[in-house]
């Protein structure tokens, strides 16, 4: 598997989206405080800090594990960089620097084949680590941020340009991180088919995006109905997700403490979207997950229609209901198309060719991460 010039450009686009999302979130938080909306400002800032802190913890943990595997001692400067929230940028610097050399230099001249394979694999593994960290950050910070902005829009009906920007950028970041992770997953594991062509990528993108939009709008309606009940139900879903992760006995982290944190994070992500957390047969879990999702969404709409509240006028609520139902329907359709047509079915057996007595190593961290 090679790291190409196109992959390098997509990596550059990835950090641009990451930085843009971070800047917009800070902008929105400052705007809230400037306008005297301290509760919303604290919430927006808390969501951002929660996501970045978790990402920095995992990034530093992976750095330590990689250094230990290489027989090197952990460096204190790495800890300082992560405390200053620079872990992800450090990873991007090293990955892009190495990726540029592999994509633009190794592709233009003949080198030792084994050395070239090792170079490409190293870059792919680094980019895969970044895609996993971005996936963490977008779901831990992006999803709550979008829900908060939508709640303000529907509750108060007044949203400024910065909040619209936060909604758009967060949705783009979530969607792009999901597709980027799926591409990295396919590249890193030899028993997965590659996500080639625009058809599979857009199908996966729309499946995640539409199901997510439908669910976030439903959550906002619950918050408008009763904040305490909505938060209780979300915490219940989080708790059930954590129990599911413990039941499946995930083995992603090398340390017990980080594995515990990982399962908590997985439970949070499962509130918003489905991932196969153990890499086993997907059909039954995804069917159960989205059956519950459809029932919960329809139940929320029925409550609002049967017991009309003074929150919305009919002219305002009908378009929201149509949007929820339409995005849910489209999301389920794209989901079915993806799993029936483009899902990375495993080959029965994958053997690595041996060259000059040396086998190609394929062990990587993503094998124990979230699957599809």
Protein backbone atom coordinates (compact mmCIF):
# COMPACT_ATOMS: atom_id res chain seq x y z
CA UNK A 1 0.00 0.00 0.00
CA UNK A 2 1.40 3.39 -1.02
CA UNK A 3 1.00 6.88 0.37
CA UNK A 4 0.33 8.99 -2.71
CA UNK A 5 0.39 12.68 -3.58
CA UNK A 6 -3.41 12.68 -3.39
CA UNK A 7 -3.21 11.26 0.14
CA UNK A 8 -0.78 14.03 1.08
CA UNK A 9 -3.15 16.73 -0.23
CA UNK A 10 -6.03 15.18 1.71
CA UNK A 11 -3.86 15.22 4.83
CA UNK A 12 -3.21 18.93 4.32
CA UNK A 13 -6.96 19.47 3.88
CA UNK A 14 -7.52 17.54 7.10
CA UNK A 15 -5.38 19.86 9.21
CA UNK A 16 -6.97 22.90 7.54
CA UNK A 17 -10.44 21.67 8.57
CA UNK A 18 -9.14 20.86 12.07
CA UNK A 19 -7.69 24.34 12.54
CA UNK A 20 -10.78 26.04 11.07
CA UNK A 21 -13.06 24.10 13.39
CA UNK A 22 -10.90 25.06 16.38
CA UNK A 23 -10.84 28.76 15.42
CA UNK A 24 -14.61 28.91 14.87
CA UNK A 25 -15.28 27.23 18.23
CA UNK A 26 -13.07 29.78 20.02
CA UNK A 27 -14.76 32.58 18.08
CA UNK A 28 -18.23 31.40 19.11
CA UNK A 29 -17.20 31.06 22.77
CA UNK A 30 -15.71 34.57 22.86
CA UNK A 31 -18.84 35.91 21.14
CA UNK A 32 -21.08 34.40 23.82
CA UNK A 33 -19.04 35.94 26.63
CA UNK A 34 -18.91 39.30 24.86
CA UNK A 35 -22.72 39.32 24.52
CA UNK A 36 -23.21 38.40 28.18
CA UNK A 37 -24.50 34.87 27.44
CA UNK A 38 -22.19 33.29 29.99
CA UNK A 39 -23.99 29.95 30.28
CA UNK A 40 -23.78 29.29 26.54
CA UNK A 41 -20.18 30.55 26.51
CA UNK A 42 -19.16 28.19 29.31
CA UNK A 43 -20.91 25.26 27.61
CA UNK A 44 -19.26 25.94 24.25
CA UNK A 45 -15.85 26.30 25.90
CA UNK A 46 -16.40 23.16 27.99
CA UNK A 47 -17.27 21.07 24.92
CA UNK A 48 -14.12 22.27 23.18
CA UNK A 49 -11.87 21.60 26.19
CA UNK A 50 -13.41 18.19 26.81
CA UNK A 51 -12.68 17.06 23.27
CA UNK A 52 -9.16 18.45 23.12
CA UNK A 53 -8.16 17.11 26.55
CA UNK A 54 -9.26 13.59 25.67
CA UNK A 55 -7.47 13.77 22.32
CA UNK A 56 -4.24 15.00 23.95
CA UNK A 57 -4.39 12.17 26.51
CA UNK A 58 -4.68 9.52 23.81
CA UNK A 59 -2.03 11.17 21.65
CA UNK A 60 0.49 11.21 24.50
CA UNK A 61 -0.38 7.64 25.46
CA UNK A 62 0.27 6.49 21.90
CA UNK A 63 3.57 8.39 21.76
CA UNK A 64 4.69 6.62 24.94
CA UNK A 65 3.60 3.22 23.60
CA UNK A 66 5.40 3.78 20.29
CA UNK A 67 8.60 4.92 22.01
CA UNK A 68 8.49 1.95 24.36
CA UNK A 69 7.98 -0.40 21.42
CA UNK A 70 11.02 1.15 19.74
CA UNK A 71 13.09 0.71 22.90
CA UNK A 72 13.28 4.44 23.65
CA UNK A 73 12.42 6.38 26.79
CA UNK A 74 9.52 8.81 26.93
CA UNK A 75 10.63 12.42 26.50
CA UNK A 76 9.43 15.14 28.88
CA UNK A 77 9.08 17.63 26.03
CA UNK A 78 6.29 15.47 24.57
CA UNK A 79 4.38 15.69 27.83
CA UNK A 80 4.83 19.47 27.86
CA UNK A 81 3.62 19.77 24.25
CA UNK A 82 0.47 17.79 25.03
CA UNK A 83 -0.17 19.83 28.19
CA UNK A 84 -0.01 22.92 25.99
CA UNK A 85 -2.55 21.28 23.60
CA UNK A 86 0.08 20.87 20.89
CA UNK A 87 0.10 17.09 20.58
CA UNK A 88 -2.05 16.89 17.46
CA UNK A 89 -0.10 19.68 15.72
CA UNK A 90 3.14 17.88 16.57
CA UNK A 91 1.78 14.71 15.02
CA UNK A 92 0.68 16.60 11.91
CA UNK A 93 4.12 18.20 11.57
CA UNK A 94 6.00 14.89 11.69
CA UNK A 95 3.41 13.08 9.55
CA UNK A 96 3.29 15.74 6.82
CA UNK A 97 7.07 16.12 6.81
CA UNK A 98 7.52 12.37 6.39
CA UNK A 99 4.56 12.12 4.02
CA UNK A 100 5.92 14.80 1.71
CA UNK A 101 9.20 12.93 1.39
CA UNK A 102 7.47 9.63 0.67
CA UNK A 103 4.88 10.99 -1.76
CA UNK A 104 7.08 13.36 -3.75
CA UNK A 105 10.56 11.84 -3.45
CA UNK A 106 10.23 8.08 -3.17
CA UNK A 107 7.70 8.12 -6.01
CA UNK A 108 10.17 9.85 -8.30
CA UNK A 109 13.18 7.59 -7.94
CA UNK A 110 13.97 3.95 -7.54
CA UNK A 111 14.84 2.79 -4.02
CA UNK A 112 15.16 -0.44 -2.17
CA UNK A 113 11.73 -2.08 -2.33
CA UNK A 114 11.62 -3.13 1.33
CA UNK A 115 12.73 0.32 2.44
CA UNK A 116 10.02 1.92 0.30
CA UNK A 117 7.35 -0.39 1.76
CA UNK A 118 8.46 0.48 5.31
CA UNK A 119 8.44 4.21 4.53
CA UNK A 120 4.92 4.14 3.08
CA UNK A 121 3.61 2.01 5.93
CA UNK A 122 5.10 4.35 8.53
CA UNK A 123 3.36 7.37 6.99
CA UNK A 124 0.06 5.53 6.60
CA UNK A 125 0.19 4.47 10.26
CA UNK A 126 0.90 8.05 11.34
CA UNK A 127 -1.99 9.40 9.29
CA UNK A 128 -4.24 6.66 10.65
CA UNK A 129 -3.40 7.73 14.20
CA UNK A 130 -4.36 11.29 13.27
CA UNK A 131 -7.61 10.16 11.70
CA UNK A 132 -8.52 8.33 14.92
CA UNK A 133 -7.73 11.41 17.02
CA UNK A 134 -9.78 13.62 14.70
CA UNK A 135 -12.67 11.18 14.96
CA UNK A 136 -12.50 11.45 18.75
CA UNK A 137 -12.38 15.24 18.67
CA UNK A 138 -15.22 15.76 16.20
CA UNK A 139 -17.68 13.54 18.03
CA UNK A 140 -16.69 14.61 21.54
CA UNK A 141 -16.72 18.32 20.72
CA UNK A 142 -18.48 18.76 17.37
CA UNK A 143 -21.74 16.94 18.08
CA UNK A 144 -22.49 18.71 21.40
CA UNK A 145 -21.49 22.00 19.78
CA UNK A 146 -23.97 21.55 16.92
CA UNK A 147 -26.74 20.57 19.34
CA UNK A 148 -26.04 23.66 21.44
CA UNK A 149 -26.18 26.00 18.43
CA UNK A 150 -29.37 24.37 17.12
CA UNK A 151 -30.95 24.66 20.57
CA UNK A 152 -30.17 28.38 20.67
CA UNK A 153 -31.56 28.81 17.15
CA UNK A 154 -34.86 27.03 17.88
CA UNK A 155 -35.27 28.35 21.41
CA UNK A 156 -34.46 32.01 20.83
CA UNK A 157 -34.73 32.31 17.06
CA UNK A 158 -31.70 34.60 17.00
CA UNK A 159 -28.40 33.26 15.75
CA UNK A 160 -25.50 35.36 14.53
CA UNK A 161 -23.05 34.57 11.75
CA UNK A 162 -20.53 32.97 14.10
CA UNK A 163 -23.08 30.42 15.30
CA UNK A 164 -24.14 29.56 11.75
CA UNK A 165 -20.46 29.14 10.95
CA UNK A 166 -20.03 26.83 13.94
CA UNK A 167 -22.91 24.62 12.78
CA UNK A 168 -21.66 24.39 9.19
CA UNK A 169 -17.99 23.88 10.08
CA UNK A 170 -18.76 21.31 12.79
CA UNK A 171 -20.98 19.31 10.41
CA UNK A 172 -18.25 19.41 7.74
CA UNK A 173 -15.60 18.38 10.28
CA UNK A 174 -17.68 15.47 11.56
CA UNK A 175 -18.49 14.24 8.05
CA UNK A 176 -14.94 14.60 6.73
CA UNK A 177 -13.40 12.95 9.79
CA UNK A 178 -15.73 9.96 9.40
CA UNK A 179 -14.83 9.50 5.72
CA UNK A 180 -11.13 10.14 6.39
CA UNK A 181 -11.13 7.53 9.14
CA UNK A 182 -12.87 5.00 6.92
CA UNK A 183 -10.26 5.53 4.17
CA UNK A 184 -7.42 5.20 6.70
CA UNK A 185 -8.98 2.05 8.13
CA UNK A 186 -9.11 0.40 4.71
CA UNK A 187 -5.52 1.39 3.92
CA UNK A 188 -4.14 0.12 7.21
CA UNK A 189 -5.76 -3.32 7.28
CA UNK A 190 -4.95 -5.83 4.53
CA UNK A 191 -8.20 -7.76 5.11
CA UNK A 192 -10.33 -4.73 4.18
CA UNK A 193 -11.26 -3.67 0.67
CA UNK A 194 -10.14 -0.16 -0.25
CA UNK A 195 -12.69 2.66 -0.40
CA UNK A 196 -11.96 3.51 -4.03
CA UNK A 197 -13.98 5.91 -6.13
CA UNK A 198 -16.32 8.74 -5.21
CA UNK A 199 -19.42 6.51 -5.02
CA UNK A 200 -18.51 4.58 -1.83
CA UNK A 201 -17.09 7.69 -0.18
CA UNK A 202 -20.17 9.83 -0.78
CA UNK A 203 -22.47 6.97 0.19
CA UNK A 204 -20.69 6.61 3.52
CA UNK A 205 -20.58 10.40 3.96
CA UNK A 206 -24.32 10.83 3.41
CA UNK A 207 -25.17 7.82 5.58
CA UNK A 208 -23.32 9.32 8.54
CA UNK A 209 -24.36 12.91 7.86
CA UNK A 210 -28.10 12.35 7.38
CA UNK A 211 -28.54 9.97 10.31
CA UNK A 212 -26.57 12.37 12.49
CA UNK A 213 -28.57 15.46 11.47
CA UNK A 214 -31.86 13.66 12.09
CA UNK A 215 -30.76 12.50 15.53
CA UNK A 216 -29.30 15.85 16.62
CA UNK A 217 -32.52 17.65 15.64
CA UNK A 218 -34.49 15.07 17.63
CA UNK A 219 -32.24 15.64 20.65
CA UNK A 220 -32.79 19.39 20.36
CA UNK A 221 -36.57 18.85 20.36
CA UNK A 222 -36.23 16.80 23.55
CA UNK A 223 -34.17 19.57 25.12
CA UNK A 224 -36.86 22.09 24.21
CA UNK A 225 -39.48 19.82 25.72
CA UNK A 226 -37.64 19.30 29.00
CA UNK A 227 -33.92 19.80 29.54
CA UNK A 228 -33.71 17.53 32.58
CA UNK A 229 -35.51 14.63 30.88
CA UNK A 230 -33.43 15.01 27.73
CA UNK A 231 -30.14 15.04 29.67
CA UNK A 232 -31.25 12.01 31.68
CA UNK A 233 -32.04 10.08 28.49
CA UNK A 234 -28.70 11.07 26.93
CA UNK A 235 -26.83 10.01 30.08
CA UNK A 236 -28.74 6.73 30.00
CA UNK A 237 -27.66 6.14 26.40
CA UNK A 238 -24.07 7.00 27.36
CA UNK A 239 -24.21 4.54 30.26
CA UNK A 240 -25.61 1.80 28.00
CA UNK A 241 -22.84 2.48 25.47
CA UNK A 242 -20.21 2.15 28.20
CA UNK A 243 -21.76 -1.13 29.37
CA UNK A 244 -21.71 -2.40 25.78
CA UNK A 245 -18.01 -1.50 25.48
CA UNK A 246 -17.19 -3.32 28.73
CA UNK A 247 -19.30 -6.30 27.68
CA UNK A 248 -17.38 -6.55 24.40
CA UNK A 249 -14.08 -6.28 26.34
CA UNK A 250 -12.37 -3.88 23.95
CA UNK A 251 -8.58 -4.15 23.83
CA UNK A 252 -7.50 -0.92 22.21
CA UNK A 253 -5.12 0.55 24.81
CA UNK A 254 -2.06 -1.01 26.41
CA UNK A 255 -2.78 0.42 29.87
CA UNK A 256 -5.82 -0.42 31.98
CA UNK A 257 -6.56 3.22 32.83
CA UNK A 258 -6.53 4.40 29.20
CA UNK A 259 -8.67 1.41 28.17
CA UNK A 260 -11.20 2.53 30.78
CA UNK A 261 -11.17 6.06 29.32
CA UNK A 262 -11.47 4.61 25.82
CA UNK A 263 -14.61 2.68 26.74
CA UNK A 264 -16.14 5.82 28.25
CA UNK A 265 -15.38 7.73 25.04
CA UNK A 266 -16.81 4.92 22.91
CA UNK A 267 -20.01 5.04 24.95
CA UNK A 268 -20.26 8.77 24.23
CA UNK A 269 -19.71 8.31 20.48
CA UNK A 270 -22.39 5.60 20.38
CA UNK A 271 -24.93 8.22 21.48
CA UNK A 272 -24.62 9.85 18.06
CA UNK A 273 -23.61 7.16 15.58
CA UNK A 274 -22.92 3.46 15.19
CA UNK A 275 -19.49 1.88 15.20
CA UNK A 276 -18.66 -1.78 15.54
CA UNK A 277 -16.45 -1.52 18.61
CA UNK A 278 -14.98 -5.02 18.45
CA UNK A 279 -14.67 -5.60 14.70
CA UNK A 280 -17.08 -8.53 14.67
CA UNK A 281 -20.12 -9.24 12.48
CA UNK A 282 -21.82 -5.89 11.88
CA UNK A 283 -25.24 -6.77 10.48
CA UNK A 284 -27.07 -7.58 13.71
CA UNK A 285 -25.66 -4.76 15.92
CA UNK A 286 -26.24 -2.07 13.29
CA UNK A 287 -29.80 -3.35 12.73
CA UNK A 288 -30.58 -3.16 16.44
CA UNK A 289 -28.93 0.25 16.79
CA UNK A 290 -30.83 1.98 14.01
CA UNK A 291 -34.10 0.26 14.88
CA UNK A 292 -33.87 1.89 18.29
CA UNK A 293 -32.82 5.15 16.63
CA UNK A 294 -35.87 5.15 14.32
CA UNK A 295 -38.25 4.33 17.19
CA UNK A 296 -36.74 7.05 19.40
CA UNK A 297 -36.97 9.64 16.61
CA UNK A 298 -40.56 8.76 15.75
CA UNK A 299 -41.45 8.71 19.44
CA UNK A 300 -40.08 12.22 19.89
CA UNK A 301 -42.10 13.54 16.95
CA UNK A 302 -45.27 11.79 18.12
CA UNK A 303 -44.95 13.40 21.55
CA UNK A 304 -44.77 16.85 19.95
CA UNK A 305 -47.66 16.17 17.59
CA UNK A 306 -50.02 14.51 20.10
CA UNK A 307 -49.23 16.90 22.95
CA UNK A 308 -48.69 20.22 21.16
CA UNK A 309 -46.70 22.75 23.13
CA UNK A 310 -46.41 26.48 22.80
CA UNK A 311 -42.74 26.19 21.88
CA UNK A 312 -43.33 26.26 18.13
CA UNK A 313 -45.96 27.58 15.85
CA UNK A 314 -47.25 24.95 13.37
CA UNK A 315 -45.59 26.82 10.51
CA UNK A 316 -42.25 26.50 12.31
CA UNK A 317 -42.56 22.94 13.59
CA UNK A 318 -43.76 21.29 10.37
CA UNK A 319 -40.54 22.06 8.40
CA UNK A 320 -38.46 20.71 11.32
CA UNK A 321 -40.50 17.49 11.41
CA UNK A 322 -40.16 17.06 7.66
CA UNK A 323 -36.41 17.66 7.88
CA UNK A 324 -36.03 15.06 10.64
CA UNK A 325 -38.07 12.43 8.78
CA UNK A 326 -36.47 13.13 5.41
CA UNK A 327 -32.88 13.04 6.70
CA UNK A 328 -33.64 9.89 8.70
CA UNK A 329 -35.10 8.18 5.63
CA UNK A 330 -32.19 9.24 3.41
CA UNK A 331 -29.69 8.19 6.06
CA UNK A 332 -31.21 4.70 6.34
CA UNK A 333 -31.27 4.35 2.55
CA UNK A 334 -27.59 5.29 2.25
CA UNK A 335 -26.81 2.98 5.18
CA UNK A 336 -28.43 0.02 3.41
CA UNK A 337 -26.65 0.83 0.15
CA UNK A 338 -23.32 1.12 1.94
CA UNK A 339 -23.58 -2.15 3.87
CA UNK A 340 -25.01 -4.08 0.94
CA UNK A 341 -22.61 -2.75 -1.69
CA UNK A 342 -19.51 -1.08 -0.27
CA UNK A 343 -18.92 -2.65 3.14
CA UNK A 344 -15.32 -3.92 3.50
CA UNK A 345 -16.03 -7.63 3.64
CA UNK A 346 -13.15 -9.61 5.00
CA UNK A 347 -11.28 -12.04 2.92
CA UNK A 348 -11.07 -15.55 4.23
CA UNK A 349 -7.32 -15.43 4.58
CA UNK A 350 -4.71 -12.81 3.83
CA UNK A 351 -1.11 -13.87 3.55
CA UNK A 352 1.79 -11.50 3.22
CA UNK A 353 4.40 -12.29 0.62
CA UNK A 354 7.89 -12.81 1.91
CA UNK A 355 10.72 -11.01 0.17
CA UNK A 356 14.27 -12.10 0.89
CA UNK A 357 13.12 -13.90 3.97
CA UNK A 358 11.46 -10.83 5.56
CA UNK A 359 7.68 -10.71 5.96
CA UNK A 360 5.75 -7.49 5.55
CA UNK A 361 4.50 -6.38 8.97
CA UNK A 362 0.86 -5.34 9.11
CA UNK A 363 0.26 -4.92 12.82
CA UNK A 364 -1.22 -1.49 13.60
CA UNK A 365 -3.20 0.29 16.29
CA UNK A 366 -6.33 0.80 14.20
CA UNK A 367 -7.06 -2.95 14.15
CA UNK A 368 -8.41 -2.63 17.70
CA UNK A 369 -10.19 0.69 17.14
CA UNK A 370 -13.76 1.39 15.97
CA UNK A 371 -14.77 -0.67 12.94
CA UNK A 372 -17.62 -0.49 10.44
